Amino acid sequence: MSEFDFIAQKNEYEKIYKLCCAAENASDAGSKAKCCRDALEEIIKFLYVKESKNYPANATLLEVIDSPFICSFVKSISSSKPKSISSFAL
């Protein structure tokens, strides 16, 4: 049983689910950190795809996380419901 089993409910989250489970099950801190980064990157890419936005080429993960699109999305879900990506909510 995984803390991320709720993600497995939708097929479109399968890759994210596998990456999250890999992080959860990694045996050492270095492996956990890498798996967490991989999962975060996949989640960010997923958000871009869901909103039909082009993932910035050659951008670092930090640059993408700090992009106006992601910042706006995070603000929208922290203050109320997402402005978009309505199917993201489980």
PDB file of N, CA and C in Angstrom:
ATOM      1  N   MET A   1       0.851  -1.177   0.000  1.00  0.00           N
ATOM      2  CA  MET A   1       0.000   0.000   0.000  1.00  0.00           C
ATOM      3  C   MET A   1       0.896   1.239   0.000  1.00  0.00           C
ATOM      4  N   SER A   2       0.526   2.206  -0.808  1.00  0.00           N
ATOM      5  CA  SER A   2       1.309   3.429  -0.964  1.00  0.00           C
ATOM      6  C   SER A   2       0.506   4.637  -0.506  1.00  0.00           C
ATOM      7  N   GLU A   3       1.209   5.641  -0.063  1.00  0.00           N
ATOM      8  CA  GLU A   3       0.571   6.921   0.265  1.00  0.00           C
ATOM      9  C   GLU A   3       0.002   7.574  -0.988  1.00  0.00           C
ATOM     10  N   PHE A   4       0.406   7.093  -2.150  1.00  0.00           N
ATOM     11  CA  PHE A   4       0.012   7.702  -3.420  1.00  0.00           C
ATOM     12  C   PHE A   4      -1.015   6.885  -4.187  1.00  0.00           C
ATOM     13  N   ASP A   5      -1.626   5.914  -3.538  1.00  0.00           N
ATOM     14  CA  ASP A   5      -2.611   5.076  -4.224  1.00  0.00           C
ATOM     15  C   ASP A   5      -3.773   5.885  -4.800  1.00  0.00           C
ATOM     16  N   PHE A   6      -4.096   7.011  -4.182  1.00  0.00           N
ATOM     17  CA  PHE A   6      -5.193   7.837  -4.701  1.00  0.00           C
ATOM     18  C   PHE A   6      -4.892   8.354  -6.108  1.00  0.00           C
ATOM     19  N   ILE A   7      -3.614   8.485  -6.443  1.00  0.00           N
ATOM     20  CA  ILE A   7      -3.228   8.960  -7.783  1.00  0.00           C
ATOM     21  C   ILE A   7      -3.506   7.892  -8.830  1.00  0.00           C
ATOM     22  N   ALA A   8      -3.425   6.639  -8.435  1.00  0.00           N
ATOM     23  CA  ALA A   8      -3.576   5.531  -9.372  1.00  0.00           C
ATOM     24  C   ALA A   8      -5.005   5.391  -9.892  1.00  0.00           C
ATOM     25  N   GLN A   9      -5.926   6.162  -9.361  1.00  0.00           N
ATOM     26  CA  GLN A   9      -7.327   6.055  -9.771  1.00  0.00           C
ATOM     27  C   GLN A   9      -7.559   6.463 -11.224  1.00  0.00           C
ATOM     28  N   LYS A  10      -6.688   7.277 -11.761  1.00  0.00           N
ATOM     29  CA  LYS A  10      -6.838   7.714 -13.151  1.00  0.00           C
ATOM     30  C   LYS A  10      -5.622   7.290 -13.955  1.00  0.00           C
ATOM     31  N   ASN A  11      -5.872   6.713 -15.131  1.00  0.00           N
ATOM     32  CA  ASN A  11      -4.781   6.241 -15.980  1.00  0.00           C
ATOM     33  C   ASN A  11      -3.826   7.349 -16.396  1.00  0.00           C
ATOM     34  N   GLU A  12      -4.335   8.559 -16.549  1.00  0.00           N
ATOM     35  CA  GLU A  12      -3.474   9.650 -17.004  1.00  0.00           C
ATOM     36  C   GLU A  12      -2.416  10.022 -15.971  1.00  0.00           C
ATOM     37  N   TYR A  13      -2.555   9.551 -14.742  1.00  0.00           N
ATOM     38  CA  TYR A  13      -1.581   9.826 -13.682  1.00  0.00           C
ATOM     39  C   TYR A  13      -0.613   8.664 -13.468  1.00  0.00           C
ATOM     40  N   GLU A  14      -0.652   7.663 -14.333  1.00  0.00           N
ATOM     41  CA  GLU A  14       0.137   6.453 -14.115  1.00  0.00           C
ATOM     42  C   GLU A  14       1.633   6.738 -13.969  1.00  0.00           C
ATOM     43  N   LYS A  15       2.190   7.560 -14.840  1.00  0.00           N
ATOM     44  CA  LYS A  15       3.624   7.852 -14.769  1.00  0.00           C
ATOM     45  C   LYS A  15       3.958   8.601 -13.476  1.00  0.00           C
ATOM     46  N   ILE A  16       3.117   9.557 -13.102  1.00  0.00           N
ATOM     47  CA  ILE A  16       3.325  10.301 -11.858  1.00  0.00           C
ATOM     48  C   ILE A  16       3.247   9.344 -10.670  1.00  0.00           C
ATOM     49  N   TYR A  17       2.276   8.467 -10.687  1.00  0.00           N
ATOM     50  CA  TYR A  17       2.114   7.485  -9.614  1.00  0.00           C
ATOM     51  C   TYR A  17       3.365   6.616  -9.457  1.00  0.00           C
ATOM     52  N   LYS A  18       3.878   6.122 -10.571  1.00  0.00           N
ATOM     53  CA  LYS A  18       5.065   5.265 -10.513  1.00  0.00           C
ATOM     54  C   LYS A  18       6.269   6.024  -9.968  1.00  0.00           C
ATOM     55  N   LEU A  19       6.430   7.271 -10.377  1.00  0.00           N
ATOM     56  CA  LEU A  19       7.554   8.070  -9.892  1.00  0.00           C
ATOM     57  C   LEU A  19       7.418   8.377  -8.397  1.00  0.00           C
ATOM     58  N   CYS A  20       6.215   8.676  -7.970  1.00  0.00           N
ATOM     59  CA  CYS A  20       5.986   8.939  -6.538  1.00  0.00           C
ATOM     60  C   CYS A  20       6.239   7.687  -5.705  1.00  0.00           C
ATOM     61  N   CYS A  21       5.796   6.548  -6.186  1.00  0.00           N
ATOM     62  CA  CYS A  21       6.032   5.285  -5.473  1.00  0.00           C
ATOM     63  C   CYS A  21       7.519   4.956  -5.438  1.00  0.00           C
ATOM     64  N   ALA A  22       8.229   5.249  -6.519  1.00  0.00           N
ATOM     65  CA  ALA A  22       9.670   5.014  -6.539  1.00  0.00           C
ATOM     66  C   ALA A  22      10.355   5.856  -5.465  1.00  0.00           C
ATOM     67  N   ALA A  23       9.922   7.101  -5.320  1.00  0.00           N
ATOM     68  CA  ALA A  23      10.492   7.972  -4.278  1.00  0.00           C
ATOM     69  C   ALA A  23      10.161   7.425  -2.890  1.00  0.00           C
ATOM     70  N   GLU A  24       8.943   6.989  -2.735  1.00  0.00           N
ATOM     71  CA  GLU A  24       8.502   6.462  -1.447  1.00  0.00           C
ATOM     72  C   GLU A  24       9.287   5.212  -1.048  1.00  0.00           C
ATOM     73  N   ASN A  25       9.636   4.396  -2.033  1.00  0.00           N
ATOM     74  CA  ASN A  25      10.273   3.117  -1.761  1.00  0.00           C
ATOM     75  C   ASN A  25      11.794   3.132  -1.896  1.00  0.00           C
ATOM     76  N   ALA A  26      12.371   4.249  -2.296  1.00  0.00           N
ATOM     77  CA  ALA A  26      13.825   4.314  -2.449  1.00  0.00           C
ATOM     78  C   ALA A  26      14.496   4.044  -1.099  1.00  0.00           C
ATOM     79  N   SER A  27      15.643   3.395  -1.159  1.00  0.00           N
ATOM     80  CA  SER A  27      16.269   2.939   0.082  1.00  0.00           C
ATOM     81  C   SER A  27      17.210   3.948   0.729  1.00  0.00           C
ATOM     82  N   ASP A  28      17.699   4.916  -0.021  1.00  0.00           N
ATOM     83  CA  ASP A  28      18.624   5.874   0.583  1.00  0.00           C
ATOM     84  C   ASP A  28      18.222   7.300   0.209  1.00  0.00           C
ATOM     85  N   ALA A  29      18.753   8.250   0.948  1.00  0.00           N
ATOM     86  CA  ALA A  29      18.357   9.656   0.782  1.00  0.00           C
ATOM     87  C   ALA A  29      18.651  10.187  -0.616  1.00  0.00           C
ATOM     88  N   GLY A  30      19.777   9.816  -1.180  1.00  0.00           N
ATOM     89  CA  GLY A  30      20.119  10.284  -2.524  1.00  0.00           C
ATOM     90  C   GLY A  30      19.132   9.797  -3.571  1.00  0.00           C
ATOM     91  N   SER A  31      18.771   8.538  -3.473  1.00  0.00           N
ATOM     92  CA  SER A  31      17.791   7.966  -4.410  1.00  0.00           C
ATOM     93  C   SER A  31      16.424   8.606  -4.224  1.00  0.00           C
ATOM     94  N   LYS A  32      16.035   8.819  -2.962  1.00  0.00           N
ATOM     95  CA  LYS A  32      14.751   9.468  -2.685  1.00  0.00           C
ATOM     96  C   LYS A  32      14.713  10.870  -3.285  1.00  0.00           C
ATOM     97  N   ALA A  33      15.799  11.623  -3.111  1.00  0.00           N
ATOM     98  CA  ALA A  33      15.856  12.982  -3.641  1.00  0.00           C
ATOM     99  C   ALA A  33      15.726  12.984  -5.158  1.00  0.00           C
ATOM    100  N   LYS A  34      16.428  12.083  -5.833  1.00  0.00           N
ATOM    101  CA  LYS A  34      16.352  12.020  -7.290  1.00  0.00           C
ATOM    102  C   LYS A  34      14.947  11.642  -7.747  1.00  0.00           C
ATOM    103  N   CYS A  35      14.363  10.656  -7.087  1.00  0.00           N
ATOM    104  CA  CYS A  35      13.009  10.231  -7.455  1.00  0.00           C
ATOM    105  C   CYS A  35      11.989  11.346  -7.210  1.00  0.00           C
ATOM    106  N   CYS A  36      12.148  12.091  -6.122  1.00  0.00           N
ATOM    107  CA  CYS A  36      11.245  13.210  -5.843  1.00  0.00           C
ATOM    108  C   CYS A  36      11.368  14.278  -6.919  1.00  0.00           C
ATOM    109  N   ARG A  37      12.600  14.574  -7.322  1.00  0.00           N
ATOM    110  CA  ARG A  37      12.811  15.558  -8.386  1.00  0.00           C
ATOM    111  C   ARG A  37      12.173  15.077  -9.688  1.00  0.00           C
ATOM    112  N   ASP A  38      12.367  13.805 -10.025  1.00  0.00           N
ATOM    113  CA  ASP A  38      11.771  13.248 -11.242  1.00  0.00           C
ATOM    114  C   ASP A  38      10.249  13.353 -11.195  1.00  0.00           C
ATOM    115  N   ALA A  39       9.664  13.058 -10.031  1.00  0.00           N
ATOM    116  CA  ALA A  39       8.208  13.146  -9.888  1.00  0.00           C
ATOM    117  C   ALA A  39       7.737  14.592 -10.034  1.00  0.00           C
ATOM    118  N   LEU A  40       8.444  15.519  -9.393  1.00  0.00           N
ATOM    119  CA  LEU A  40       8.080  16.933  -9.499  1.00  0.00           C
ATOM    120  C   LEU A  40       8.150  17.412 -10.941  1.00  0.00           C
ATOM    121  N   GLU A  41       9.204  17.038 -11.637  1.00  0.00           N
ATOM    122  CA  GLU A  41       9.355  17.445 -13.034  1.00  0.00           C
ATOM    123  C   GLU A  41       8.213  16.879 -13.886  1.00  0.00           C
ATOM    124  N   GLU A  42       7.842  15.650 -13.638  1.00  0.00           N
ATOM    125  CA  GLU A  42       6.746  15.035 -14.397  1.00  0.00           C
ATOM    126  C   GLU A  42       5.414  15.726 -14.090  1.00  0.00           C
ATOM    127  N   ILE A  43       5.196  16.100 -12.839  1.00  0.00           N
ATOM    128  CA  ILE A  43       3.966  16.807 -12.470  1.00  0.00           C
ATOM    129  C   ILE A  43       3.899  18.159 -13.166  1.00  0.00           C
ATOM    130  N   ILE A  44       5.013  18.876 -13.194  1.00  0.00           N
ATOM    131  CA  ILE A  44       5.057  20.180 -13.871  1.00  0.00           C
ATOM    132  C   ILE A  44       4.777  20.003 -15.364  1.00  0.00           C
ATOM    133  N   LYS A  45       5.400  19.013 -15.984  1.00  0.00           N
ATOM    134  CA  LYS A  45       5.150  18.746 -17.417  1.00  0.00           C
ATOM    135  C   LYS A  45       3.687  18.392 -17.642  1.00  0.00           C
ATOM    136  N   PHE A  46       3.118  17.605 -16.741  1.00  0.00           N
ATOM    137  CA  PHE A  46       1.707  17.226 -16.838  1.00  0.00           C
ATOM    138  C   PHE A  46       0.818  18.472 -16.845  1.00  0.00           C
ATOM    139  N   LEU A  47       1.117  19.417 -15.958  1.00  0.00           N
ATOM    140  CA  LEU A  47       0.327  20.652 -15.891  1.00  0.00           C
ATOM    141  C   LEU A  47       0.420  21.438 -17.194  1.00  0.00           C
ATOM    142  N   TYR A  48       1.602  21.501 -17.757  1.00  0.00           N
ATOM    143  CA  TYR A  48       1.776  22.202 -19.035  1.00  0.00           C
ATOM    144  C   TYR A  48       0.955  21.530 -20.132  1.00  0.00           C
ATOM    145  N   VAL A  49       1.003  20.213 -20.191  1.00  0.00           N
ATOM    146  CA  VAL A  49       0.247  19.479 -21.214  1.00  0.00           C
ATOM    147  C   VAL A  49      -1.254  19.691 -21.023  1.00  0.00           C
ATOM    148  N   LYS A  50      -1.723  19.601 -19.760  1.00  0.00           N
ATOM    149  CA  LYS A  50      -3.161  19.767 -19.489  1.00  0.00           C
ATOM    150  C   LYS A  50      -3.664  21.137 -19.927  1.00  0.00           C
ATOM    151  N   GLU A  51      -2.812  22.131 -19.871  1.00  0.00           N
ATOM    152  CA  GLU A  51      -3.199  23.493 -20.256  1.00  0.00           C
ATOM    153  C   GLU A  51      -2.786  23.839 -21.690  1.00  0.00           C
ATOM    154  N   SER A  52      -2.339  22.833 -22.427  1.00  0.00           N
ATOM    155  CA  SER A  52      -1.916  23.023 -23.824  1.00  0.00           C
ATOM    156  C   SER A  52      -0.866  24.122 -23.956  1.00  0.00           C
ATOM    157  N   LYS A  53       0.064  24.113 -23.044  1.00  0.00           N
ATOM    158  CA  LYS A  53       1.158  25.076 -23.084  1.00  0.00           C
ATOM    159  C   LYS A  53       2.431  24.345 -23.486  1.00  0.00           C
ATOM    160  N   ASN A  54       3.322  25.073 -24.119  1.00  0.00           N
ATOM    161  CA  ASN A  54       4.603  24.496 -24.501  1.00  0.00           C
ATOM    162  C   ASN A  54       5.551  24.524 -23.310  1.00  0.00           C
ATOM    163  N   TYR A  55       6.118  23.360 -23.007  1.00  0.00           N
ATOM    164  CA  TYR A  55       7.107  23.286 -21.937  1.00  0.00           C
ATOM    165  C   TYR A  55       8.346  24.038 -22.410  1.00  0.00           C
ATOM    166  N   PRO A  56       8.857  24.964 -21.606  1.00  0.00           N
ATOM    167  CA  PRO A  56       9.994  25.777 -22.035  1.00  0.00           C
ATOM    168  C   PRO A  56      11.232  24.932 -22.343  1.00  0.00           C
ATOM    169  N   ALA A  57      11.728  25.066 -23.548  1.00  0.00           N
ATOM    170  CA  ALA A  57      12.924  24.326 -23.950  1.00  0.00           C
ATOM    171  C   ALA A  57      14.142  24.866 -23.213  1.00  0.00           C
ATOM    172  N   ASN A  58      15.016  23.979 -22.824  1.00  0.00           N
ATOM    173  CA  ASN A  58      16.285  24.331 -22.171  1.00  0.00           C
ATOM    174  C   ASN A  58      16.132  25.077 -20.849  1.00  0.00           C
ATOM    175  N   ALA A  59      14.967  25.051 -20.259  1.00  0.00           N
ATOM    176  CA  ALA A  59      14.762  25.713 -18.967  1.00  0.00           C
ATOM    177  C   ALA A  59      15.100  24.734 -17.850  1.00  0.00           C
ATOM    178  N   THR A  60      15.645  25.257 -16.774  1.00  0.00           N
ATOM    179  CA  THR A  60      15.898  24.414 -15.613  1.00  0.00           C
ATOM    180  C   THR A  60      14.571  24.173 -14.894  1.00  0.00           C
ATOM    181  N   LEU A  61      14.557  23.188 -14.031  1.00  0.00           N
ATOM    182  CA  LEU A  61      13.346  22.908 -13.270  1.00  0.00           C
ATOM    183  C   LEU A  61      12.960  24.115 -12.422  1.00  0.00           C
ATOM    184  N   LEU A  62      13.945  24.769 -11.827  1.00  0.00           N
ATOM    185  CA  LEU A  62      13.667  25.962 -11.030  1.00  0.00           C
ATOM    186  C   LEU A  62      13.029  27.065 -11.869  1.00  0.00           C
ATOM    187  N   GLU A  63      13.526  27.266 -13.080  1.00  0.00           N
ATOM    188  CA  GLU A  63      12.947  28.289 -13.962  1.00  0.00           C
ATOM    189  C   GLU A  63      11.502  27.959 -14.321  1.00  0.00           C
ATOM    190  N   VAL A  64      11.234  26.691 -14.550  1.00  0.00           N
ATOM    191  CA  VAL A  64       9.878  26.279 -14.912  1.00  0.00           C
ATOM    192  C   VAL A  64       8.940  26.429 -13.716  1.00  0.00           C
ATOM    193  N   ILE A  65       9.409  26.047 -12.529  1.00  0.00           N
ATOM    194  CA  ILE A  65       8.587  26.187 -11.327  1.00  0.00           C
ATOM    195  C   ILE A  65       8.284  27.660 -11.058  1.00  0.00           C
ATOM    196  N   ASP A  66       9.239  28.521 -11.354  1.00  0.00           N
ATOM    197  CA  ASP A  66       9.092  29.954 -11.101  1.00  0.00           C
ATOM    198  C   ASP A  66       8.419  30.696 -12.259  1.00  0.00           C
ATOM    199  N   SER A  67       7.954  29.969 -13.260  1.00  0.00           N
ATOM    200  CA  SER A  67       7.318  30.601 -14.418  1.00  0.00           C
ATOM    201  C   SER A  67       5.973  31.216 -14.024  1.00  0.00           C
ATOM    202  N   PRO A  68       5.543  32.235 -14.746  1.00  0.00           N
ATOM    203  CA  PRO A  68       4.247  32.853 -14.447  1.00  0.00           C
ATOM    204  C   PRO A  68       3.094  31.835 -14.461  1.00  0.00           C
ATOM    205  N   PHE A  69       3.132  30.874 -15.373  1.00  0.00           N
ATOM    206  CA  PHE A  69       2.064  29.881 -15.463  1.00  0.00           C
ATOM    207  C   PHE A  69       1.959  29.070 -14.173  1.00  0.00           C
ATOM    208  N   ILE A  70       3.070  28.509 -13.710  1.00  0.00           N
ATOM    209  CA  ILE A  70       3.037  27.674 -12.506  1.00  0.00           C
ATOM    210  C   ILE A  70       2.741  28.521 -11.269  1.00  0.00           C
ATOM    211  N   CYS A  71       3.338  29.695 -11.179  1.00  0.00           N
ATOM    212  CA  CYS A  71       3.066  30.576 -10.033  1.00  0.00           C
ATOM    213  C   CYS A  71       1.585  30.937  -9.962  1.00  0.00           C
ATOM    214  N   SER A  72       0.993  31.240 -11.103  1.00  0.00           N
ATOM    215  CA  SER A  72      -0.433  31.573 -11.152  1.00  0.00           C
ATOM    216  C   SER A  72      -1.286  30.376 -10.738  1.00  0.00           C
ATOM    217  N   PHE A  73      -0.918  29.201 -11.203  1.00  0.00           N
ATOM    218  CA  PHE A  73      -1.666  27.997 -10.854  1.00  0.00           C
ATOM    219  C   PHE A  73      -1.592  27.737  -9.354  1.00  0.00           C
ATOM    220  N   VAL A  74      -0.411  27.820  -8.778  1.00  0.00           N
ATOM    221  CA  VAL A  74      -0.241  27.573  -7.346  1.00  0.00           C
ATOM    222  C   VAL A  74      -1.038  28.589  -6.533  1.00  0.00           C
ATOM    223  N   LYS A  75      -0.999  29.847  -6.928  1.00  0.00           N
ATOM    224  CA  LYS A  75      -1.778  30.870  -6.228  1.00  0.00           C
ATOM    225  C   LYS A  75      -3.269  30.572  -6.309  1.00  0.00           C
ATOM    226  N   SER A  76      -3.720  30.107  -7.474  1.00  0.00           N
ATOM    227  CA  SER A  76      -5.150  29.849  -7.643  1.00  0.00           C
ATOM    228  C   SER A  76      -5.624  28.686  -6.788  1.00  0.00           C
ATOM    229  N   ILE A  77      -4.799  27.655  -6.620  1.00  0.00           N
ATOM    230  CA  ILE A  77      -5.246  26.525  -5.796  1.00  0.00           C
ATOM    231  C   ILE A  77      -5.027  26.778  -4.312  1.00  0.00           C
ATOM    232  N   SER A  78      -4.146  27.703  -3.975  1.00  0.00           N
ATOM    233  CA  SER A  78      -3.942  27.983  -2.561  1.00  0.00           C
ATOM    234  C   SER A  78      -4.979  28.958  -2.024  1.00  0.00           C
ATOM    235  N   SER A  79      -5.613  29.723  -2.917  1.00  0.00           N
ATOM    236  CA  SER A  79      -6.613  30.687  -2.464  1.00  0.00           C
ATOM    237  C   SER A  79      -8.046  30.183  -2.648  1.00  0.00           C
ATOM    238  N   SER A  80      -8.242  29.276  -3.575  1.00  0.00           N
ATOM    239  CA  SER A  80      -9.577  28.723  -3.823  1.00  0.00           C
ATOM    240  C   SER A  80      -9.445  27.531  -4.750  1.00  0.00           C
ATOM    241  N   LYS A  81     -10.325  27.436  -5.717  1.00  0.00           N
ATOM    242  CA  LYS A  81     -10.260  26.372  -6.709  1.00  0.00           C
ATOM    243  C   LYS A  81      -9.327  26.810  -7.831  1.00  0.00           C
ATOM    244  N   PRO A  82      -8.734  25.851  -8.542  1.00  0.00           N
ATOM    245  CA  PRO A  82      -7.895  26.215  -9.679  1.00  0.00           C
ATOM    246  C   PRO A  82      -8.693  26.994 -10.729  1.00  0.00           C
ATOM    247  N   LYS A  83      -8.040  27.960 -11.348  1.00  0.00           N
ATOM    248  CA  LYS A  83      -8.678  28.714 -12.416  1.00  0.00           C
ATOM    249  C   LYS A  83      -8.925  27.806 -13.624  1.00  0.00           C
ATOM    250  N   SER A  84      -8.135  26.782 -13.725  1.00  0.00           N
ATOM    251  CA  SER A  84      -8.247  25.873 -14.839  1.00  0.00           C
ATOM    252  C   SER A  84      -7.790  24.502 -14.344  1.00  0.00           C
ATOM    253  N   ILE A  85      -7.505  23.619 -15.272  1.00  0.00           N
ATOM    254  CA  ILE A  85      -7.091  22.259 -14.953  1.00  0.00           C
ATOM    255  C   ILE A  85      -8.102  21.634 -13.984  1.00  0.00           C
ATOM    256  N   SER A  86      -9.355  21.819 -14.292  1.00  0.00           N
ATOM    257  CA  SER A  86     -10.408  21.329 -13.403  1.00  0.00           C
ATOM    258  C   SER A  86     -10.381  19.818 -13.237  1.00  0.00           C
ATOM    259  N   SER A  87      -9.891  19.101 -14.243  1.00  0.00           N
ATOM    260  CA  SER A  87      -9.859  17.649 -14.123  1.00  0.00           C
ATOM    261  C   SER A  87      -8.679  17.169 -13.282  1.00  0.00           C
ATOM    262  N   PHE A  88      -7.797  18.092 -12.864  1.00  0.00           N
ATOM    263  CA  PHE A  88      -6.659  17.713 -12.053  1.00  0.00           C
ATOM    264  C   PHE A  88      -7.096  17.266 -10.665  1.00  0.00           C
ATOM    265  N   ALA A  89      -8.147  17.882 -10.164  1.00  0.00           N
ATOM    266  CA  ALA A  89      -8.626  17.537  -8.824  1.00  0.00           C
ATOM    267  C   ALA A  89      -9.134  16.099  -8.812  1.00  0.00           C
ATOM    268  N   LEU A  90      -8.729  15.373  -7.818  1.00  0.00           N
ATOM    269  CA  LEU A  90      -9.181  13.988  -7.677  1.00  0.00           C
ATOM    270  C   LEU A  90     -10.406  14.016  -6.834  1.00  0.00           C
TER     271      LEU A  90
END
